[in-house]
PDB file of N, CA and C in Angstrom:
ATOM      1  N   UNK A   1      86.145 101.778 177.253  1.00  0.00           N
ATOM      2  CA  UNK A   1      87.117 100.636 177.683  1.00  0.00           C
ATOM      3  C   UNK A   1      88.074 102.462 178.705  1.00  0.00           C
ATOM      4  N   UNK A   2      87.863 103.594 177.910  1.00  0.00           N
ATOM      5  CA  UNK A   2      89.052 104.534 178.229  1.00  0.00           C
ATOM      6  C   UNK A   2      88.156 105.209 179.714  1.00  0.00           C
ATOM      7  N   UNK A   3      87.023 104.644 179.686  1.00  0.00           N
ATOM      8  CA  UNK A   3      86.491 105.295 181.192  1.00  0.00           C
ATOM      9  C   UNK A   3      86.429 104.098 182.154  1.00  0.00           C
ATOM     10  N   UNK A   4      87.401 102.849 182.182  1.00  0.00           N
ATOM     11  CA  UNK A   4      87.409 101.765 182.857  1.00  0.00           C
ATOM     12  C   UNK A   4      88.566 102.495 182.940  1.00  0.00           C
ATOM     13  N   UNK A   5      89.630 102.790 182.599  1.00  0.00           N
ATOM     14  CA  UNK A   5      91.339 102.714 182.540  1.00  0.00           C
ATOM     15  C   UNK A   5      90.994 103.968 183.374  1.00  0.00           C
ATOM     16  N   UNK A   6      90.470 105.088 183.110  1.00  0.00           N
ATOM     17  CA  UNK A   6      90.756 105.993 184.249  1.00  0.00           C
ATOM     18  C   UNK A   6      89.914 106.071 185.380  1.00  0.00           C
ATOM     19  N   UNK A   7      89.109 105.308 185.534  1.00  0.00           N
ATOM     20  CA  UNK A   7      88.549 105.000 187.047  1.00  0.00           C
ATOM     21  C   UNK A   7      89.685 104.016 187.614  1.00  0.00           C
ATOM     22  N   UNK A   8      90.181 102.461 186.773  1.00  0.00           N
ATOM     23  CA  UNK A   8      91.080 102.600 187.541  1.00  0.00           C
ATOM     24  C   UNK A   8      92.891 103.007 187.879  1.00  0.00           C
ATOM     25  N   UNK A   9      93.362 103.757 187.085  1.00  0.00           N
ATOM     26  CA  UNK A   9      93.835 104.795 187.190  1.00  0.00           C
ATOM     27  C   UNK A   9      93.651 105.433 188.469  1.00  0.00           C
ATOM     28  N   UNK A  10      92.438 106.296 189.080  1.00  0.00           N
ATOM     29  CA  UNK A  10      91.715 107.261 189.738  1.00  0.00           C
ATOM     30  C   UNK A  10      91.746 106.198 191.004  1.00  0.00           C
ATOM     31  N   UNK A  11      91.712 105.726 191.295  1.00  0.00           N
ATOM     32  CA  UNK A  11      91.179 103.861 192.118  1.00  0.00           C
ATOM     33  C   UNK A  11      92.657 103.694 192.743  1.00  0.00           C
ATOM     34  N   UNK A  12      93.677 103.518 191.595  1.00  0.00           N
ATOM     35  CA  UNK A  12      94.996 103.238 192.421  1.00  0.00           C
ATOM     36  C   UNK A  12      95.790 104.271 192.793  1.00  0.00           C
ATOM     37  N   UNK A  13      95.560 105.791 192.451  1.00  0.00           N
ATOM     38  CA  UNK A  13      95.966 106.641 192.973  1.00  0.00           C
ATOM     39  C   UNK A  13      95.573 107.367 194.235  1.00  0.00           C
ATOM     40  N   UNK A  14      94.456 106.850 194.272  1.00  0.00           N
ATOM     41  CA  UNK A  14      94.227 107.469 195.966  1.00  0.00           C
ATOM     42  C   UNK A  14      93.120 108.556 195.511  1.00  0.00           C
ATOM     43  N   UNK A  15      91.868 109.268 195.565  1.00  0.00           N
ATOM     44  CA  UNK A  15      91.230 110.526 195.741  1.00  0.00           C
ATOM     45  C   UNK A  15      92.246 111.520 196.733  1.00  0.00           C
ATOM     46  N   UNK A  16      92.541 110.721 198.080  1.00  0.00           N
ATOM     47  CA  UNK A  16      93.456 112.012 199.013  1.00  0.00           C
ATOM     48  C   UNK A  16      94.701 112.301 198.037  1.00  0.00           C
ATOM     49  N   UNK A  17      94.970 111.608 197.054  1.00  0.00           N
ATOM     50  CA  UNK A  17      96.496 112.249 196.487  1.00  0.00           C
ATOM     51  C   UNK A  17      96.057 112.850 195.509  1.00  0.00           C
ATOM     52  N   UNK A  18      95.043 113.176 194.855  1.00  0.00           N
ATOM     53  CA  UNK A  18      94.853 113.121 193.323  1.00  0.00           C
ATOM     54  C   UNK A  18      94.408 114.734 194.149  1.00  0.00           C
ATOM     55  N   UNK A  19      93.369 114.763 195.244  1.00  0.00           N
ATOM     56  CA  UNK A  19      92.718 116.209 195.411  1.00  0.00           C
ATOM     57  C   UNK A  19      93.584 116.907 196.295  1.00  0.00           C
ATOM     58  N   UNK A  20      94.406 116.624 196.809  1.00  0.00           N
ATOM     59  CA  UNK A  20      96.001 117.474 197.179  1.00  0.00           C
ATOM     60  C   UNK A  20      96.582 118.037 196.331  1.00  0.00           C
ATOM     61  N   UNK A  21      96.726 117.541 195.752  1.00  0.00           N
ATOM     62  CA  UNK A  21      97.532 118.066 194.421  1.00  0.00           C
ATOM     63  C   UNK A  21      97.426 119.750 194.017  1.00  0.00           C
ATOM     64  N   UNK A  22      95.941 120.071 194.216  1.00  0.00           N
ATOM     65  CA  UNK A  22      95.202 121.597 194.274  1.00  0.00           C
ATOM     66  C   UNK A  22      95.273 122.392 195.784  1.00  0.00           C
ATOM     67  N   UNK A  23      95.409 121.991 196.991  1.00  0.00           N
ATOM     68  CA  UNK A  23      95.394 122.393 198.118  1.00  0.00           C
ATOM     69  C   UNK A  23      96.596 123.612 198.315  1.00  0.00           C
ATOM     70  N   UNK A  24      96.357 124.426 198.657  1.00  0.00           N
ATOM     71  CA  UNK A  24      97.565 125.182 199.380  1.00  0.00           C
ATOM     72  C   UNK A  24      98.028 124.750 200.496  1.00  0.00           C
ATOM     73  N   UNK A  25      99.305 124.902 200.914  1.00  0.00           N
ATOM     74  CA  UNK A  25      99.699 124.456 201.918  1.00  0.00           C
ATOM     75  C   UNK A  25     100.056 125.852 203.288  1.00  0.00           C
ATOM     76  N   UNK A  26     100.242 125.231 204.336  1.00  0.00           N
ATOM     77  CA  UNK A  26     100.337 126.480 205.460  1.00  0.00           C
ATOM     78  C   UNK A  26     101.315 125.857 206.203  1.00  0.00           C
ATOM     79  N   UNK A  27     102.219 126.489 206.612  1.00  0.00           N
ATOM     80  CA  UNK A  27     103.292 126.410 207.505  1.00  0.00           C
ATOM     81  C   UNK A  27     102.988 127.323 208.675  1.00  0.00           C
ATOM     82  N   UNK A  28     103.364 126.940 209.900  1.00  0.00           N
ATOM     83  CA  UNK A  28     103.124 127.286 211.130  1.00  0.00           C
ATOM     84  C   UNK A  28     104.761 127.702 211.600  1.00  0.00           C
ATOM     85  N   UNK A  29     104.909 129.083 212.366  1.00  0.00           N
ATOM     86  CA  UNK A  29     106.026 129.146 212.935  1.00  0.00           C
ATOM     87  C   UNK A  29     105.538 130.060 213.844  1.00  0.00           C
ATOM     88  N   UNK A  30     105.413 129.268 215.397  1.00  0.00           N
ATOM     89  CA  UNK A  30     104.684 129.710 216.306  1.00  0.00           C
ATOM     90  C   UNK A  30     105.173 129.380 217.356  1.00  0.00           C
ATOM     91  N   UNK A  31     104.514 129.597 218.913  1.00  0.00           N
ATOM     92  CA  UNK A  31     105.357 129.307 220.404  1.00  0.00           C
ATOM     93  C   UNK A  31     104.003 128.569 220.571  1.00  0.00           C
ATOM     94  N   UNK A  32     103.878 128.441 222.030  1.00  0.00           N
ATOM     95  CA  UNK A  32     103.854 127.261 222.413  1.00  0.00           C
ATOM     96  C   UNK A  32     102.187 127.000 222.373  1.00  0.00           C
ATOM     97  N   UNK A  33     101.237 127.897 222.076  1.00  0.00           N
ATOM     98  CA  UNK A  33     100.213 127.563 221.918  1.00  0.00           C
ATOM     99  C   UNK A  33      99.488 127.383 220.452  1.00  0.00           C
ATOM    100  N   UNK A  34     100.936 127.290 219.367  1.00  0.00           N
ATOM    101  CA  UNK A  34     100.801 125.968 218.630  1.00  0.00           C
ATOM    102  C   UNK A  34     101.659 124.986 218.029  1.00  0.00           C
ATOM    103  N   UNK A  35     101.842 124.647 218.919  1.00  0.00           N
ATOM    104  CA  UNK A  35     102.558 123.533 219.327  1.00  0.00           C
ATOM    105  C   UNK A  35     101.204 122.161 219.649  1.00  0.00           C
ATOM    106  N   UNK A  36     101.613 121.140 219.068  1.00  0.00           N
ATOM    107  CA  UNK A  36     101.478 119.473 219.426  1.00  0.00           C
ATOM    108  C   UNK A  36     101.838 118.709 219.388  1.00  0.00           C
ATOM    109  N   UNK A  37     102.388 117.972 220.400  1.00  0.00           N
ATOM    110  CA  UNK A  37     103.300 116.931 219.953  1.00  0.00           C
ATOM    111  C   UNK A  37     103.190 116.028 218.948  1.00  0.00           C
ATOM    112  N   UNK A  38     104.252 115.388 218.395  1.00  0.00           N
ATOM    113  CA  UNK A  38     103.654 114.940 217.418  1.00  0.00           C
ATOM    114  C   UNK A  38     103.738 115.572 215.645  1.00  0.00           C
ATOM    115  N   UNK A  39     103.379 116.356 216.243  1.00  0.00           N
ATOM    116  CA  UNK A  39     103.659 117.536 214.713  1.00  0.00           C
ATOM    117  C   UNK A  39     104.195 118.646 214.897  1.00  0.00           C
ATOM    118  N   UNK A  40     105.119 118.696 215.555  1.00  0.00           N
ATOM    119  CA  UNK A  40     106.133 120.052 215.716  1.00  0.00           C
ATOM    120  C   UNK A  40     107.762 118.736 215.880  1.00  0.00           C
ATOM    121  N   UNK A  41     108.543 119.463 215.123  1.00  0.00           N
ATOM    122  CA  UNK A  41     109.764 118.747 214.915  1.00  0.00           C
ATOM    123  C   UNK A  41     110.345 118.339 216.787  1.00  0.00           C
ATOM    124  N   UNK A  42     110.679 117.074 217.027  1.00  0.00           N
ATOM    125  CA  UNK A  42     110.930 116.200 217.635  1.00  0.00           C
ATOM    126  C   UNK A  42     111.383 116.449 218.866  1.00  0.00           C
ATOM    127  N   UNK A  43     112.348 117.895 218.244  1.00  0.00           N
ATOM    128  CA  UNK A  43     113.971 118.427 219.288  1.00  0.00           C
ATOM    129  C   UNK A  43     112.889 119.480 219.609  1.00  0.00           C
ATOM    130  N   UNK A  44     111.634 120.290 219.229  1.00  0.00           N
ATOM    131  CA  UNK A  44     111.330 121.483 219.753  1.00  0.00           C
ATOM    132  C   UNK A  44     109.978 120.413 220.894  1.00  0.00           C
ATOM    133  N   UNK A  45     110.163 122.015 221.702  1.00  0.00           N
ATOM    134  CA  UNK A  45     109.425 121.599 222.735  1.00  0.00           C
ATOM    135  C   UNK A  45     107.957 121.856 222.651  1.00  0.00           C
ATOM    136  N   UNK A  46     106.740 120.641 223.002  1.00  0.00           N
ATOM    137  CA  UNK A  46     105.346 120.977 222.989  1.00  0.00           C
ATOM    138  C   UNK A  46     104.921 121.596 224.434  1.00  0.00           C
ATOM    139  N   UNK A  47     103.640 122.105 224.061  1.00  0.00           N
ATOM    140  CA  UNK A  47     102.569 122.642 225.316  1.00  0.00           C
ATOM    141  C   UNK A  47     101.708 121.715 225.215  1.00  0.00           C
ATOM    142  N   UNK A  48     101.320 121.524 224.045  1.00  0.00           N
ATOM    143  CA  UNK A  48     100.318 120.553 223.809  1.00  0.00           C
ATOM    144  C   UNK A  48     100.764 118.980 223.539  1.00  0.00           C
ATOM    145  N   UNK A  49     100.428 117.768 224.568  1.00  0.00           N
ATOM    146  CA  UNK A  49     101.452 116.768 224.509  1.00  0.00           C
ATOM    147  C   UNK A  49      99.743 115.889 223.839  1.00  0.00           C
ATOM    148  N   UNK A  50     100.058 114.464 223.719  1.00  0.00           N
ATOM    149  CA  UNK A  50      99.401 113.692 223.216  1.00  0.00           C
ATOM    150  C   UNK A  50      98.944 112.853 224.303  1.00  0.00           C
ATOM    151  N   UNK A  51      99.617 112.514 225.017  1.00  0.00           N
ATOM    152  CA  UNK A  51      98.703 111.965 226.508  1.00  0.00           C
ATOM    153  C   UNK A  51      97.869 113.246 227.541  1.00  0.00           C
ATOM    154  N   UNK A  52      96.881 113.374 227.602  1.00  0.00           N
ATOM    155  CA  UNK A  52      95.669 113.996 227.953  1.00  0.00           C
ATOM    156  C   UNK A  52      96.056 114.353 229.735  1.00  0.00           C
ATOM    157  N   UNK A  53      96.588 115.569 229.977  1.00  0.00           N
ATOM    158  CA  UNK A  53      96.608 116.379 231.031  1.00  0.00           C
ATOM    159  C   UNK A  53      95.369 117.463 231.334  1.00  0.00           C
ATOM    160  N   UNK A  54      93.731 116.976 231.828  1.00  0.00           N
ATOM    161  CA  UNK A  54      93.668 117.981 232.082  1.00  0.00           C
ATOM    162  C   UNK A  54      93.669 119.145 233.248  1.00  0.00           C
ATOM    163  N   UNK A  55      94.298 119.090 233.752  1.00  0.00           N
ATOM    164  CA  UNK A  55      95.038 119.686 234.968  1.00  0.00           C
ATOM    165  C   UNK A  55      95.988 120.936 234.373  1.00  0.00           C
ATOM    166  N   UNK A  56      96.776 120.875 233.373  1.00  0.00           N
ATOM    167  CA  UNK A  56      97.756 121.447 232.337  1.00  0.00           C
ATOM    168  C   UNK A  56      96.864 122.382 231.137  1.00  0.00           C
ATOM    169  N   UNK A  57      95.888 121.415 230.310  1.00  0.00           N
ATOM    170  CA  UNK A  57      95.320 121.819 229.457  1.00  0.00           C
ATOM    171  C   UNK A  57      93.763 121.458 228.859  1.00  0.00           C
ATOM    172  N   UNK A  58      92.902 122.028 228.308  1.00  0.00           N
ATOM    173  CA  UNK A  58      91.544 121.760 227.877  1.00  0.00           C
ATOM    174  C   UNK A  58      91.665 120.869 226.611  1.00  0.00           C
ATOM    175  N   UNK A  59      93.236 121.380 225.650  1.00  0.00           N
ATOM    176  CA  UNK A  59      93.004 120.797 224.736  1.00  0.00           C
ATOM    177  C   UNK A  59      93.870 118.990 224.941  1.00  0.00           C
ATOM    178  N   UNK A  60      92.981 118.721 224.580  1.00  0.00           N
ATOM    179  CA  UNK A  60      92.747 117.258 224.271  1.00  0.00           C
ATOM    180  C   UNK A  60      93.063 116.356 223.460  1.00  0.00           C
ATOM    181  N   UNK A  61      93.282 117.119 222.362  1.00  0.00           N
ATOM    182  CA  UNK A  61      92.903 116.693 220.829  1.00  0.00           C
ATOM    183  C   UNK A  61      94.108 117.409 220.003  1.00  0.00           C
ATOM    184  N   UNK A  62      94.672 117.134 218.618  1.00  0.00           N
ATOM    185  CA  UNK A  62      95.010 118.030 218.074  1.00  0.00           C
ATOM    186  C   UNK A  62      94.186 118.823 217.270  1.00  0.00           C
ATOM    187  N   UNK A  63      92.952 118.456 217.115  1.00  0.00           N
ATOM    188  CA  UNK A  63      91.391 118.823 216.343  1.00  0.00           C
ATOM    189  C   UNK A  63      91.496 120.160 217.165  1.00  0.00           C
ATOM    190  N   UNK A  64      91.620 120.338 218.177  1.00  0.00           N
ATOM    191  CA  UNK A  64      91.454 121.518 218.923  1.00  0.00           C
ATOM    192  C   UNK A  64      92.490 122.718 218.709  1.00  0.00           C
ATOM    193  N   UNK A  65      93.318 122.473 218.250  1.00  0.00           N
ATOM    194  CA  UNK A  65      94.262 123.287 217.879  1.00  0.00           C
ATOM    195  C   UNK A  65      93.827 124.390 217.001  1.00  0.00           C
ATOM    196  N   UNK A  66      94.104 125.767 217.526  1.00  0.00           N
ATOM    197  CA  UNK A  66      93.832 126.988 215.732  1.00  0.00           C
ATOM    198  C   UNK A  66      93.991 126.818 214.909  1.00  0.00           C
ATOM    199  N   UNK A  67      95.309 125.871 214.829  1.00  0.00           N
ATOM    200  CA  UNK A  67      95.780 126.006 212.899  1.00  0.00           C
ATOM    201  C   UNK A  67      95.167 124.607 212.964  1.00  0.00           C
ATOM    202  N   UNK A  68      94.948 123.689 213.773  1.00  0.00           N
ATOM    203  CA  UNK A  68      94.209 122.519 212.590  1.00  0.00           C
ATOM    204  C   UNK A  68      92.878 122.949 212.354  1.00  0.00           C
ATOM    205  N   UNK A  69      91.965 123.786 213.266  1.00  0.00           N
ATOM    206  CA  UNK A  69      90.963 124.371 213.018  1.00  0.00           C
ATOM    207  C   UNK A  69      91.011 124.991 211.609  1.00  0.00           C
ATOM    208  N   UNK A  70      91.783 125.893 211.463  1.00  0.00           N
ATOM    209  CA  UNK A  70      92.228 126.967 210.410  1.00  0.00           C
ATOM    210  C   UNK A  70      92.330 125.915 209.160  1.00  0.00           C
ATOM    211  N   UNK A  71      93.133 125.144 209.280  1.00  0.00           N
ATOM    212  CA  UNK A  71      93.802 124.489 208.037  1.00  0.00           C
ATOM    213  C   UNK A  71      92.311 123.425 207.315  1.00  0.00           C
ATOM    214  N   UNK A  72      91.781 123.015 208.514  1.00  0.00           N
ATOM    215  CA  UNK A  72      90.570 122.219 207.989  1.00  0.00           C
ATOM    216  C   UNK A  72      89.608 122.819 207.273  1.00  0.00           C
ATOM    217  N   UNK A  73      88.651 124.146 208.119  1.00  0.00           N
ATOM    218  CA  UNK A  73      88.357 124.862 207.635  1.00  0.00           C
ATOM    219  C   UNK A  73      88.491 125.653 206.202  1.00  0.00           C
ATOM    220  N   UNK A  74      89.898 125.839 205.926  1.00  0.00           N
ATOM    221  CA  UNK A  74      90.013 126.596 204.800  1.00  0.00           C
ATOM    222  C   UNK A  74      90.918 125.294 203.626  1.00  0.00           C
ATOM    223  N   UNK A  75      90.413 124.100 203.873  1.00  0.00           N
ATOM    224  CA  UNK A  75      90.592 123.207 202.860  1.00  0.00           C
ATOM    225  C   UNK A  75      92.162 123.455 202.872  1.00  0.00           C
ATOM    226  N   UNK A  76      92.885 123.761 203.748  1.00  0.00           N
ATOM    227  CA  UNK A  76      94.531 123.616 203.408  1.00  0.00           C
ATOM    228  C   UNK A  76      95.397 122.180 203.988  1.00  0.00           C
ATOM    229  N   UNK A  77      96.333 122.245 203.270  1.00  0.00           N
ATOM    230  CA  UNK A  77      97.036 120.875 203.722  1.00  0.00           C
ATOM    231  C   UNK A  77      98.170 121.834 204.473  1.00  0.00           C
ATOM    232  N   UNK A  78      98.890 120.902 205.734  1.00  0.00           N
ATOM    233  CA  UNK A  78      99.598 120.972 206.596  1.00  0.00           C
ATOM    234  C   UNK A  78     101.287 120.910 206.048  1.00  0.00           C
ATOM    235  N   UNK A  79     101.813 121.610 205.605  1.00  0.00           N
ATOM    236  CA  UNK A  79     103.459 121.355 205.004  1.00  0.00           C
ATOM    237  C   UNK A  79     104.348 121.207 206.209  1.00  0.00           C
ATOM    238  N   UNK A  80     104.461 122.088 207.503  1.00  0.00           N
ATOM    239  CA  UNK A  80     105.249 122.123 208.156  1.00  0.00           C
ATOM    240  C   UNK A  80     104.948 122.827 209.556  1.00  0.00           C
ATOM    241  N   UNK A  81     104.613 122.581 211.109  1.00  0.00           N
ATOM    242  CA  UNK A  81     104.631 123.062 211.958  1.00  0.00           C
ATOM    243  C   UNK A  81     106.247 123.467 212.793  1.00  0.00           C
ATOM    244  N   UNK A  82     106.697 124.843 212.532  1.00  0.00           N
ATOM    245  CA  UNK A  82     107.880 124.474 213.251  1.00  0.00           C
ATOM    246  C   UNK A  82     107.610 125.400 214.424  1.00  0.00           C
ATOM    247  N   UNK A  83     106.905 125.627 215.032  1.00  0.00           N
ATOM    248  CA  UNK A  83     106.443 126.130 216.538  1.00  0.00           C
ATOM    249  C   UNK A  83     107.460 125.275 217.537  1.00  0.00           C
ATOM    250  N   UNK A  84     107.223 126.123 218.647  1.00  0.00           N
ATOM    251  CA  UNK A  84     108.134 125.900 219.900  1.00  0.00           C
ATOM    252  C   UNK A  84     107.726 126.245 220.835  1.00  0.00           C
ATOM    253  N   UNK A  85     107.392 125.542 222.190  1.00  0.00           N
ATOM    254  CA  UNK A  85     107.107 126.252 223.871  1.00  0.00           C
ATOM    255  C   UNK A  85     108.324 127.118 224.304  1.00  0.00           C
ATOM    256  N   UNK A  86     107.885 128.302 224.546  1.00  0.00           N
ATOM    257  CA  UNK A  86     108.696 128.639 225.489  1.00  0.00           C
ATOM    258  C   UNK A  86     109.697 129.757 224.167  1.00  0.00           C
ATOM    259  N   UNK A  87     109.239 129.722 223.223  1.00  0.00           N
ATOM    260  CA  UNK A  87     110.205 130.421 222.141  1.00  0.00           C
ATOM    261  C   UNK A  87     110.100 132.085 222.572  1.00  0.00           C
ATOM    262  N   UNK A  88     111.079 132.545 222.024  1.00  0.00           N
ATOM    263  CA  UNK A  88     111.280 134.259 222.038  1.00  0.00           C
ATOM    264  C   UNK A  88     111.688 134.705 221.318  1.00  0.00           C
ATOM    265  N   UNK A  89     111.453 135.853 220.931  1.00  0.00           N
ATOM    266  CA  UNK A  89     111.692 136.748 220.117  1.00  0.00           C
ATOM    267  C   UNK A  89     112.643 136.806 219.743  1.00  0.00           C
ATOM    268  N   UNK A  90     114.166 137.580 220.457  1.00  0.00           N
ATOM    269  CA  UNK A  90     115.815 137.691 220.507  1.00  0.00           C
ATOM    270  C   UNK A  90     116.006 136.270 221.111  1.00  0.00           C
ATOM    271  N   UNK A  91     117.216 136.641 220.959  1.00  0.00           N
ATOM    272  CA  UNK A  91     118.459 135.531 221.601  1.00  0.00           C
ATOM    273  C   UNK A  91     118.518 134.818 222.766  1.00  0.00           C
ATOM    274  N   UNK A  92     117.940 135.743 224.030  1.00  0.00           N
ATOM    275  CA  UNK A  92     117.766 135.564 224.994  1.00  0.00           C
ATOM    276  C   UNK A  92     116.751 135.637 225.725  1.00  0.00           C
ATOM    277  N   UNK A  93     116.980 134.505 226.935  1.00  0.00           N
ATOM    278  CA  UNK A  93     115.269 133.987 227.917  1.00  0.00           C
ATOM    279  C   UNK A  93     115.174 134.290 229.174  1.00  0.00           C
ATOM    280  N   UNK A  94     114.779 133.352 229.970  1.00  0.00           N
ATOM    281  CA  UNK A  94     114.411 133.545 231.370  1.00  0.00           C
ATOM    282  C   UNK A  94     116.325 133.700 231.657  1.00  0.00           C
ATOM    283  N   UNK A  95     116.229 134.610 232.985  1.00  0.00           N
ATOM    284  CA  UNK A  95     117.443 134.636 233.587  1.00  0.00           C
ATOM    285  C   UNK A  95     118.601 134.811 232.557  1.00  0.00           C
ATOM    286  N   UNK A  96     118.330 135.889 231.399  1.00  0.00           N
ATOM    287  CA  UNK A  96     119.396 135.708 230.792  1.00  0.00           C
ATOM    288  C   UNK A  96     119.994 134.681 229.784  1.00  0.00           C
ATOM    289  N   UNK A  97     119.544 133.613 229.977  1.00  0.00           N
ATOM    290  CA  UNK A  97     119.912 132.128 229.105  1.00  0.00           C
ATOM    291  C   UNK A  97     120.226 132.357 227.510  1.00  0.00           C
ATOM    292  N   UNK A  98     120.697 131.479 227.060  1.00  0.00           N
ATOM    293  CA  UNK A  98     120.807 131.570 225.882  1.00  0.00           C
ATOM    294  C   UNK A  98     119.498 130.838 225.148  1.00  0.00           C
ATOM    295  N   UNK A  99     118.440 131.490 224.404  1.00  0.00           N
ATOM    296  CA  UNK A  99     117.610 130.800 223.702  1.00  0.00           C
ATOM    297  C   UNK A  99     117.602 130.642 222.458  1.00  0.00           C
ATOM    298  N   UNK A 100     118.829 131.143 221.373  1.00  0.00           N
ATOM    299  CA  UNK A 100     118.888 131.335 220.476  1.00  0.00           C
ATOM    300  C   UNK A 100     118.330 130.048 219.395  1.00  0.00           C
ATOM    301  N   UNK A 101     118.295 128.784 219.722  1.00  0.00           N
ATOM    302  CA  UNK A 101     117.793 127.994 219.075  1.00  0.00           C
ATOM    303  C   UNK A 101     116.202 128.247 218.886  1.00  0.00           C
ATOM    304  N   UNK A 102     115.850 128.560 220.070  1.00  0.00           N
ATOM    305  CA  UNK A 102     113.911 128.668 220.014  1.00  0.00           C
ATOM    306  C   UNK A 102     113.562 129.973 219.686  1.00  0.00           C
ATOM    307  N   UNK A 103     114.391 130.631 219.141  1.00  0.00           N
ATOM    308  CA  UNK A 103     114.015 132.490 219.007  1.00  0.00           C
ATOM    309  C   UNK A 103     113.457 132.213 217.582  1.00  0.00           C
ATOM    310  N   UNK A 104     112.680 133.140 217.638  1.00  0.00           N
ATOM    311  CA  UNK A 104     111.990 133.332 216.208  1.00  0.00           C
ATOM    312  C   UNK A 104     113.382 134.053 215.147  1.00  0.00           C
ATOM    313  N   UNK A 105     113.658 134.943 215.853  1.00  0.00           N
ATOM    314  CA  UNK A 105     114.947 134.993 215.110  1.00  0.00           C
ATOM    315  C   UNK A 105     115.432 134.033 214.316  1.00  0.00           C
ATOM    316  N   UNK A 106     115.560 133.279 214.811  1.00  0.00           N
ATOM    317  CA  UNK A 106     116.950 131.930 214.719  1.00  0.00           C
ATOM    318  C   UNK A 106     115.970 131.266 213.347  1.00  0.00           C
ATOM    319  N   UNK A 107     114.917 131.098 213.736  1.00  0.00           N
ATOM    320  CA  UNK A 107     113.993 130.206 212.948  1.00  0.00           C
ATOM    321  C   UNK A 107     113.639 130.751 212.055  1.00  0.00           C
ATOM    322  N   UNK A 108     113.443 132.085 211.693  1.00  0.00           N
ATOM    323  CA  UNK A 108     113.179 132.651 210.800  1.00  0.00           C
ATOM    324  C   UNK A 108     114.254 132.830 209.720  1.00  0.00           C
ATOM    325  N   UNK A 109     115.241 132.988 209.869  1.00  0.00           N
ATOM    326  CA  UNK A 109     116.556 132.302 208.931  1.00  0.00           C
ATOM    327  C   UNK A 109     117.024 131.605 208.877  1.00  0.00           C
ATOM    328  N   UNK A 110     116.324 130.313 209.389  1.00  0.00           N
ATOM    329  CA  UNK A 110     116.643 129.014 208.899  1.00  0.00           C
ATOM    330  C   UNK A 110     115.594 128.840 208.189  1.00  0.00           C
ATOM    331  N   UNK A 111     114.612 129.008 208.184  1.00  0.00           N
ATOM    332  CA  UNK A 111     113.636 128.987 206.941  1.00  0.00           C
ATOM    333  C   UNK A 111     113.526 129.577 206.015  1.00  0.00           C
ATOM    334  N   UNK A 112     114.342 130.905 205.805  1.00  0.00           N
ATOM    335  CA  UNK A 112     114.608 131.720 204.730  1.00  0.00           C
ATOM    336  C   UNK A 112     115.394 131.129 204.277  1.00  0.00           C
ATOM    337  N   UNK A 113     116.875 130.215 204.277  1.00  0.00           N
ATOM    338  CA  UNK A 113     117.599 129.555 204.181  1.00  0.00           C
ATOM    339  C   UNK A 113     117.250 128.528 203.250  1.00  0.00           C
ATOM    340  N   UNK A 114     116.516 127.524 203.907  1.00  0.00           N
ATOM    341  CA  UNK A 114     115.465 126.714 203.523  1.00  0.00           C
ATOM    342  C   UNK A 114     114.865 126.943 202.211  1.00  0.00           C
ATOM    343  N   UNK A 115     113.918 128.509 202.148  1.00  0.00           N
ATOM    344  CA  UNK A 115     113.708 128.636 200.991  1.00  0.00           C
ATOM    345  C   UNK A 115     114.179 129.394 199.611  1.00  0.00           C
ATOM    346  N   UNK A 116     115.532 130.028 200.037  1.00  0.00           N
ATOM    347  CA  UNK A 116     116.311 129.942 198.697  1.00  0.00           C
ATOM    348  C   UNK A 116     116.464 129.016 198.664  1.00  0.00           C
ATOM    349  N   UNK A 117     117.071 128.003 199.170  1.00  0.00           N
ATOM    350  CA  UNK A 117     117.972 126.856 198.441  1.00  0.00           C
ATOM    351  C   UNK A 117     116.970 125.975 197.055  1.00  0.00           C
ATOM    352  N   UNK A 118     115.535 125.931 197.883  1.00  0.00           N
ATOM    353  CA  UNK A 118     114.783 125.157 197.597  1.00  0.00           C
ATOM    354  C   UNK A 118     114.150 126.107 196.182  1.00  0.00           C
ATOM    355  N   UNK A 119     113.939 127.223 196.268  1.00  0.00           N
ATOM    356  CA  UNK A 119     114.290 127.707 195.009  1.00  0.00           C
ATOM    357  C   UNK A 119     115.353 127.660 194.245  1.00  0.00           C
ATOM    358  N   UNK A 120     116.337 127.917 194.661  1.00  0.00           N
ATOM    359  CA  UNK A 120     117.613 127.976 193.441  1.00  0.00           C
ATOM    360  C   UNK A 120     118.066 126.249 192.646  1.00  0.00           C
ATOM    361  N   UNK A 121     116.928 126.029 193.636  1.00  0.00           N
ATOM    362  CA  UNK A 121     116.821 123.984 193.196  1.00  0.00           C
ATOM    363  C   UNK A 121     115.736 123.975 192.228  1.00  0.00           C
ATOM    364  N   UNK A 122     114.842 125.121 192.024  1.00  0.00           N
ATOM    365  CA  UNK A 122     113.799 125.273 191.088  1.00  0.00           C
ATOM    366  C   UNK A 122     112.377 123.979 191.517  1.00  0.00           C
ATOM    367  N   UNK A 123     112.740 123.920 192.558  1.00  0.00           N
ATOM    368  CA  UNK A 123     111.347 123.489 193.364  1.00  0.00           C
ATOM    369  C   UNK A 123     110.380 124.300 194.021  1.00  0.00           C
ATOM    370  N   UNK A 124     109.136 123.746 194.113  1.00  0.00           N
ATOM    371  CA  UNK A 124     107.780 124.625 194.694  1.00  0.00           C
ATOM    372  C   UNK A 124     108.609 126.262 195.029  1.00  0.00           C
TER     373      UNK A 124
END
């Protein structure tokens, strides 16, 4: 009887839910080569798009990105992809324009705030 109940619980939870608990999570903070439309925040500019454009790139599917292959091959889960096409290291971009929102400095500082806030709340 216990075996039947355990089997029913496992089927209700789904194998994905159970196996996902033990997997390590990966977050990406990258530039254009780490983007893919639909896998980054909507306000971040992608370089790779869901609509195929082979004149621009031969990456026609998210499964062809380096980070997807790393996650798949390593058995990881994607936590968050915070990549931005046109990312800069500092706050200044082309023609001395303000690129603060897409700079690595800004995004690292924002990520650090989130980590500290999460840690203070007792979450992972």
